[in-house]
Amino acid sequence: MTDTSIAEKLRITEGYVVWVIGQSVEETALLDPLPEGAVAIERRTSDDEDDEPDLIDGAVLFVESRAQLEDDLDEFLPQLGSIPVVWICFPVAGRTEIAAETIGQLVADYGWHTVENVPLDDAWSGVRLEQA
């Protein structure tokens, strides 16, 4: 029996395009290995402003503090409405002041709600969001 990868726990599947919004290489590396044909992008659009946004199957936002979460929600949540699967990943309790309930309260102000909380490994959890 094989262990489920973090990417699989976040529903990243074969051929998936996922926008990874992270702060460090260590955080974004948590998704490795991606399933075959899956691609992680760091920007929603290319450098050419005339290009259409990439078609994105999911987004994963990594945060390490409540202050960072609040800042990132203001910046990124308005851009995520057309993306079908959105996750916020955060350090497990005891390593941060963030909890799934906190995320639920904060995203409610933007018209979103939490639908699932998944432990990713010993250090990280993920909360899946949907628009209300």
Foldseek 3Di string as FASTA:
>chain_A
DDDDALLVVLVQEALAEEAEAEDDPVVVCSNPPGYHNYYYDPDQPDPPPPDDGDDHQEYEYEDEAPVRVLVCCVVPVVVCQVHDKYKYKYWDPPRYPDDLVNVQVSCVVVQKGWDDKAARDNTMIMTIMHGD
